[in-house]
Amino acid sequence: MANYNIMFDGNSDDCDIIAVPDTYAKELEELAQAFCDWLTTDEAHEYWYHDTRYGFIPALETSGFVDWLNKRFNLSKGNVVTIVKQHTILDPIYPIIEF
């Protein structure tokens, strides 16, 4: 397993850390981009929410990314992407995936 910082909008004071099976760790940046592409083009999924000002918009969250990865690759016990820690400061020993 490999740990990664998940950072949104350059905010290093509020990151999440995920653990990714080694099989998928090498391509995690590309998978993050694929998730963003899918999130904004496929309106038939649970990651859209209704904002009173903007209408339906995608919710870009670590939990959604983790869930999407596990479903996309049909990962099961012992070999799943997991959230290690949420709302923490950036850990400089781990690579960064920035959304």
N, C-alpha and C. Protein backbone atom coordinates (compact mmCIF):
# COMPACT_ATOMS: atom_id res chain seq x y z
N MET A 1 0.85 -1.18 0.00
CA MET A 1 0.00 0.00 0.00
C MET A 1 0.89 1.24 0.00
N ALA A 2 0.40 2.28 -0.66
CA ALA A 2 1.09 3.56 -0.71
C ALA A 2 0.15 4.65 -0.23
N ASN A 3 0.64 5.54 0.60
CA ASN A 3 -0.17 6.64 1.09
C ASN A 3 0.01 7.87 0.21
N TYR A 4 -1.08 8.63 0.07
CA TYR A 4 -1.08 9.86 -0.72
C TYR A 4 -1.83 10.95 0.03
N ASN A 5 -1.32 12.17 -0.08
CA ASN A 5 -2.07 13.34 0.38
C ASN A 5 -3.09 13.68 -0.70
N ILE A 6 -4.31 13.97 -0.28
CA ILE A 6 -5.33 14.49 -1.18
C ILE A 6 -5.54 15.95 -0.76
N MET A 7 -5.27 16.87 -1.70
CA MET A 7 -5.34 18.28 -1.38
C MET A 7 -6.31 18.97 -2.36
N PHE A 8 -7.14 19.83 -1.82
CA PHE A 8 -8.11 20.57 -2.62
C PHE A 8 -7.75 22.05 -2.64
N ASP A 9 -7.72 22.61 -3.83
CA ASP A 9 -7.50 24.05 -4.01
C ASP A 9 -6.24 24.57 -3.33
N GLY A 10 -5.21 23.74 -3.28
CA GLY A 10 -3.93 24.17 -2.73
C GLY A 10 -3.90 24.37 -1.24
N ASN A 11 -4.92 23.91 -0.53
CA ASN A 11 -5.00 24.10 0.92
C ASN A 11 -4.27 22.98 1.65
N SER A 12 -3.01 23.23 2.02
CA SER A 12 -2.20 22.20 2.68
C SER A 12 -2.53 22.05 4.16
N ASP A 13 -3.40 22.88 4.68
CA ASP A 13 -3.80 22.77 6.09
C ASP A 13 -5.05 21.91 6.28
N ASP A 14 -5.66 21.45 5.21
CA ASP A 14 -6.86 20.62 5.31
C ASP A 14 -6.80 19.55 4.23
N CYS A 15 -5.94 18.57 4.44
CA CYS A 15 -5.75 17.48 3.49
C CYS A 15 -6.35 16.19 4.05
N ASP A 16 -6.53 15.25 3.16
CA ASP A 16 -6.89 13.89 3.55
C ASP A 16 -5.74 12.99 3.10
N ILE A 17 -5.57 11.88 3.78
CA ILE A 17 -4.56 10.90 3.39
C ILE A 17 -5.27 9.61 3.07
N ILE A 18 -4.95 9.06 1.90
CA ILE A 18 -5.54 7.78 1.50
C ILE A 18 -4.45 6.74 1.31
N ALA A 19 -4.81 5.49 1.47
CA ALA A 19 -3.91 4.36 1.21
C ALA A 19 -4.40 3.67 -0.05
N VAL A 20 -3.48 3.44 -0.97
CA VAL A 20 -3.81 2.89 -2.29
C VAL A 20 -3.00 1.62 -2.52
N PRO A 21 -3.63 0.54 -2.97
CA PRO A 21 -2.86 -0.67 -3.30
C PRO A 21 -1.77 -0.33 -4.32
N ASP A 22 -0.62 -0.94 -4.15
CA ASP A 22 0.53 -0.66 -5.02
C ASP A 22 0.19 -0.80 -6.50
N THR A 23 -0.70 -1.71 -6.83
CA THR A 23 -1.09 -1.94 -8.22
C THR A 23 -1.60 -0.67 -8.89
N TYR A 24 -2.27 0.19 -8.14
CA TYR A 24 -2.89 1.39 -8.70
C TYR A 24 -2.15 2.67 -8.34
N ALA A 25 -1.20 2.58 -7.43
CA ALA A 25 -0.50 3.78 -6.95
C ALA A 25 0.25 4.50 -8.07
N LYS A 26 0.87 3.76 -8.96
CA LYS A 26 1.67 4.37 -10.02
C LYS A 26 0.84 5.25 -10.96
N GLU A 27 -0.42 4.92 -11.10
CA GLU A 27 -1.27 5.67 -12.03
C GLU A 27 -2.32 6.52 -11.32
N LEU A 28 -2.08 6.87 -10.05
CA LEU A 28 -3.10 7.57 -9.29
C LEU A 28 -3.39 8.97 -9.83
N GLU A 29 -2.39 9.67 -10.33
CA GLU A 29 -2.65 11.00 -10.91
C GLU A 29 -3.59 10.89 -12.11
N GLU A 30 -3.35 9.92 -12.98
CA GLU A 30 -4.22 9.73 -14.14
C GLU A 30 -5.62 9.31 -13.70
N LEU A 31 -5.69 8.48 -12.66
CA LEU A 31 -7.00 8.05 -12.16
C LEU A 31 -7.76 9.22 -11.53
N ALA A 32 -7.05 10.11 -10.87
CA ALA A 32 -7.70 11.30 -10.30
C ALA A 32 -8.30 12.16 -11.41
N GLN A 33 -7.57 12.30 -12.51
CA GLN A 33 -8.09 13.08 -13.64
C GLN A 33 -9.28 12.36 -14.26
N ALA A 34 -9.21 11.04 -14.38
CA ALA A 34 -10.34 10.28 -14.92
C ALA A 34 -11.57 10.43 -14.03
N PHE A 35 -11.37 10.46 -12.72
CA PHE A 35 -12.48 10.67 -11.79
C PHE A 35 -13.11 12.04 -12.01
N CYS A 36 -12.29 13.06 -12.13
CA CYS A 36 -12.81 14.42 -12.37
C CYS A 36 -13.57 14.50 -13.69
N ASP A 37 -13.02 13.87 -14.72
CA ASP A 37 -13.70 13.86 -16.01
C ASP A 37 -15.05 13.16 -15.91
N TRP A 38 -15.07 12.01 -15.25
CA TRP A 38 -16.31 11.25 -15.08
C TRP A 38 -17.30 12.03 -14.23
N LEU A 39 -16.81 12.64 -13.17
CA LEU A 39 -17.66 13.36 -12.23
C LEU A 39 -18.44 14.47 -12.91
N THR A 40 -17.80 15.14 -13.84
CA THR A 40 -18.44 16.30 -14.47
C THR A 40 -19.19 15.98 -15.76
N THR A 41 -19.07 14.76 -16.27
CA THR A 41 -19.74 14.45 -17.52
C THR A 41 -20.90 13.47 -17.37
N ASP A 42 -20.91 12.69 -16.33
CA ASP A 42 -21.96 11.68 -16.15
C ASP A 42 -22.90 12.15 -15.05
N GLU A 43 -24.07 12.60 -15.43
CA GLU A 43 -24.99 13.16 -14.44
C GLU A 43 -25.76 12.09 -13.67
N ALA A 44 -25.61 10.84 -14.03
CA ALA A 44 -26.38 9.79 -13.37
C ALA A 44 -25.55 9.10 -12.29
N HIS A 45 -25.15 9.85 -11.28
CA HIS A 45 -24.44 9.24 -10.16
C HIS A 45 -24.73 9.98 -8.87
N GLU A 46 -24.34 9.37 -7.77
CA GLU A 46 -24.69 9.89 -6.45
C GLU A 46 -23.82 11.05 -5.98
N TYR A 47 -22.87 11.49 -6.79
CA TYR A 47 -21.97 12.55 -6.38
C TYR A 47 -22.41 13.94 -6.82
N TRP A 48 -23.62 14.05 -7.30
CA TRP A 48 -24.19 15.35 -7.61
C TRP A 48 -25.06 15.77 -6.42
N TYR A 49 -25.02 17.05 -6.10
CA TYR A 49 -25.91 17.54 -5.07
C TYR A 49 -26.52 18.86 -5.53
N HIS A 50 -27.60 19.23 -4.89
CA HIS A 50 -28.31 20.44 -5.29
C HIS A 50 -27.86 21.61 -4.43
N ASP A 51 -27.33 22.62 -5.10
CA ASP A 51 -26.94 23.87 -4.47
C ASP A 51 -28.03 24.89 -4.78
N THR A 52 -28.50 25.59 -3.76
CA THR A 52 -29.62 26.51 -3.98
C THR A 52 -29.26 27.64 -4.93
N ARG A 53 -27.99 27.96 -5.04
CA ARG A 53 -27.58 29.06 -5.93
C ARG A 53 -27.26 28.58 -7.35
N TYR A 54 -26.61 27.41 -7.46
CA TYR A 54 -26.12 26.96 -8.76
C TYR A 54 -26.87 25.77 -9.35
N GLY A 55 -27.80 25.22 -8.62
CA GLY A 55 -28.50 24.03 -9.10
C GLY A 55 -27.69 22.78 -8.80
N PHE A 56 -27.78 21.77 -9.65
CA PHE A 56 -27.04 20.53 -9.43
C PHE A 56 -25.59 20.70 -9.86
N ILE A 57 -24.68 20.37 -8.92
CA ILE A 57 -23.24 20.45 -9.18
C ILE A 57 -22.56 19.22 -8.60
N PRO A 58 -21.41 18.83 -9.17
CA PRO A 58 -20.70 17.66 -8.64
C PRO A 58 -20.03 17.98 -7.30
N ALA A 59 -20.03 17.01 -6.42
CA ALA A 59 -19.37 17.14 -5.12
C ALA A 59 -18.03 16.44 -5.18
N LEU A 60 -16.97 17.20 -5.25
CA LEU A 60 -15.63 16.64 -5.32
C LEU A 60 -15.11 16.44 -3.91
N GLU A 61 -15.12 15.20 -3.45
CA GLU A 61 -14.70 14.87 -2.10
C GLU A 61 -13.84 13.61 -2.13
N THR A 62 -12.97 13.48 -1.13
CA THR A 62 -12.10 12.32 -1.03
C THR A 62 -12.90 11.03 -0.93
N SER A 63 -13.96 11.05 -0.14
CA SER A 63 -14.76 9.83 0.01
C SER A 63 -15.34 9.36 -1.32
N GLY A 64 -15.75 10.29 -2.16
CA GLY A 64 -16.26 9.92 -3.49
C GLY A 64 -15.18 9.34 -4.37
N PHE A 65 -13.97 9.93 -4.32
CA PHE A 65 -12.85 9.42 -5.10
C PHE A 65 -12.49 8.01 -4.68
N VAL A 66 -12.44 7.78 -3.37
CA VAL A 66 -12.11 6.45 -2.84
C VAL A 66 -13.18 5.44 -3.25
N ASP A 67 -14.43 5.80 -3.10
CA ASP A 67 -15.54 4.91 -3.47
C ASP A 67 -15.50 4.60 -4.96
N TRP A 68 -15.26 5.62 -5.78
CA TRP A 68 -15.19 5.44 -7.24
C TRP A 68 -14.05 4.48 -7.61
N LEU A 69 -12.88 4.65 -6.99
CA LEU A 69 -11.76 3.76 -7.28
C LEU A 69 -12.10 2.31 -6.92
N ASN A 70 -12.66 2.11 -5.75
CA ASN A 70 -12.99 0.75 -5.31
C ASN A 70 -14.03 0.10 -6.21
N LYS A 71 -15.02 0.88 -6.66
CA LYS A 71 -16.04 0.33 -7.55
C LYS A 71 -15.49 0.10 -8.95
N ARG A 72 -14.70 1.05 -9.44
CA ARG A 72 -14.16 0.94 -10.80
C ARG A 72 -13.30 -0.31 -10.98
N PHE A 73 -12.52 -0.63 -9.96
CA PHE A 73 -11.62 -1.77 -10.06
C PHE A 73 -12.12 -2.98 -9.29
N ASN A 74 -13.36 -2.89 -8.81
CA ASN A 74 -13.99 -4.00 -8.10
C ASN A 74 -13.07 -4.54 -7.00
N LEU A 75 -12.54 -3.61 -6.21
CA LEU A 75 -11.61 -3.99 -5.15
C LEU A 75 -12.38 -4.55 -3.96
N SER A 76 -11.75 -5.50 -3.28
CA SER A 76 -12.41 -6.14 -2.15
C SER A 76 -11.49 -6.15 -0.93
N LYS A 77 -11.99 -6.69 0.16
CA LYS A 77 -11.30 -6.67 1.45
C LYS A 77 -9.79 -6.91 1.32
N GLY A 78 -9.05 -6.12 2.08
CA GLY A 78 -7.61 -6.27 2.11
C GLY A 78 -6.90 -5.63 0.94
N ASN A 79 -7.63 -5.30 -0.11
CA ASN A 79 -7.02 -4.72 -1.30
C ASN A 79 -7.86 -3.54 -1.78
N VAL A 80 -8.28 -2.70 -0.85
CA VAL A 80 -9.12 -1.56 -1.19
C VAL A 80 -8.40 -0.25 -0.91
N VAL A 81 -8.85 0.78 -1.58
CA VAL A 81 -8.39 2.13 -1.28
C VAL A 81 -9.14 2.58 -0.03
N THR A 82 -8.43 3.13 0.93
CA THR A 82 -9.05 3.56 2.17
C THR A 82 -8.62 4.97 2.54
N ILE A 83 -9.45 5.62 3.32
CA ILE A 83 -9.09 6.92 3.88
C ILE A 83 -8.38 6.65 5.20
N VAL A 84 -7.15 7.12 5.31
CA VAL A 84 -6.34 6.91 6.51
C VAL A 84 -6.63 8.01 7.53
N LYS A 85 -6.72 9.24 7.04
CA LYS A 85 -6.92 10.39 7.93
C LYS A 85 -7.59 11.50 7.14
N GLN A 86 -8.47 12.25 7.79
CA GLN A 86 -9.14 13.36 7.14
C GLN A 86 -8.88 14.66 7.90
N HIS A 87 -8.95 15.76 7.15
CA HIS A 87 -8.80 17.10 7.72
C HIS A 87 -7.53 17.23 8.54
N THR A 88 -6.42 16.93 7.90
CA THR A 88 -5.12 17.01 8.55
C THR A 88 -4.20 17.89 7.71
N ILE A 89 -3.05 18.21 8.25
CA ILE A 89 -2.10 18.99 7.46
C ILE A 89 -1.37 18.07 6.49
N LEU A 90 -0.88 18.64 5.42
CA LEU A 90 -0.14 17.90 4.41
C LEU A 90 1.04 17.18 5.05
N ASP A 91 1.20 15.91 4.73
CA ASP A 91 2.34 15.14 5.23
C ASP A 91 3.39 15.10 4.13
N PRO A 92 4.53 15.76 4.34
CA PRO A 92 5.53 15.89 3.28
C PRO A 92 6.18 14.58 2.82
N ILE A 93 5.98 13.51 3.56
CA ILE A 93 6.60 12.24 3.13
C ILE A 93 5.76 11.51 2.06
N TYR A 94 4.51 11.96 1.86
CA TYR A 94 3.64 11.31 0.89
C TYR A 94 3.48 12.17 -0.35
N PRO A 95 3.33 11.56 -1.53
CA PRO A 95 3.03 12.32 -2.74
C PRO A 95 1.68 13.02 -2.61
N ILE A 96 1.48 14.02 -3.45
CA ILE A 96 0.26 14.83 -3.41
C ILE A 96 -0.57 14.61 -4.67
N ILE A 97 -1.86 14.38 -4.46
CA ILE A 97 -2.82 14.43 -5.55
C ILE A 97 -3.67 15.67 -5.27
N GLU A 98 -3.64 16.60 -6.20
CA GLU A 98 -4.36 17.85 -5.97
C GLU A 98 -5.56 17.96 -6.89
N PHE A 99 -6.67 18.31 -6.29
CA PHE A 99 -7.91 18.54 -7.02
C PHE A 99 -8.19 20.03 -7.03
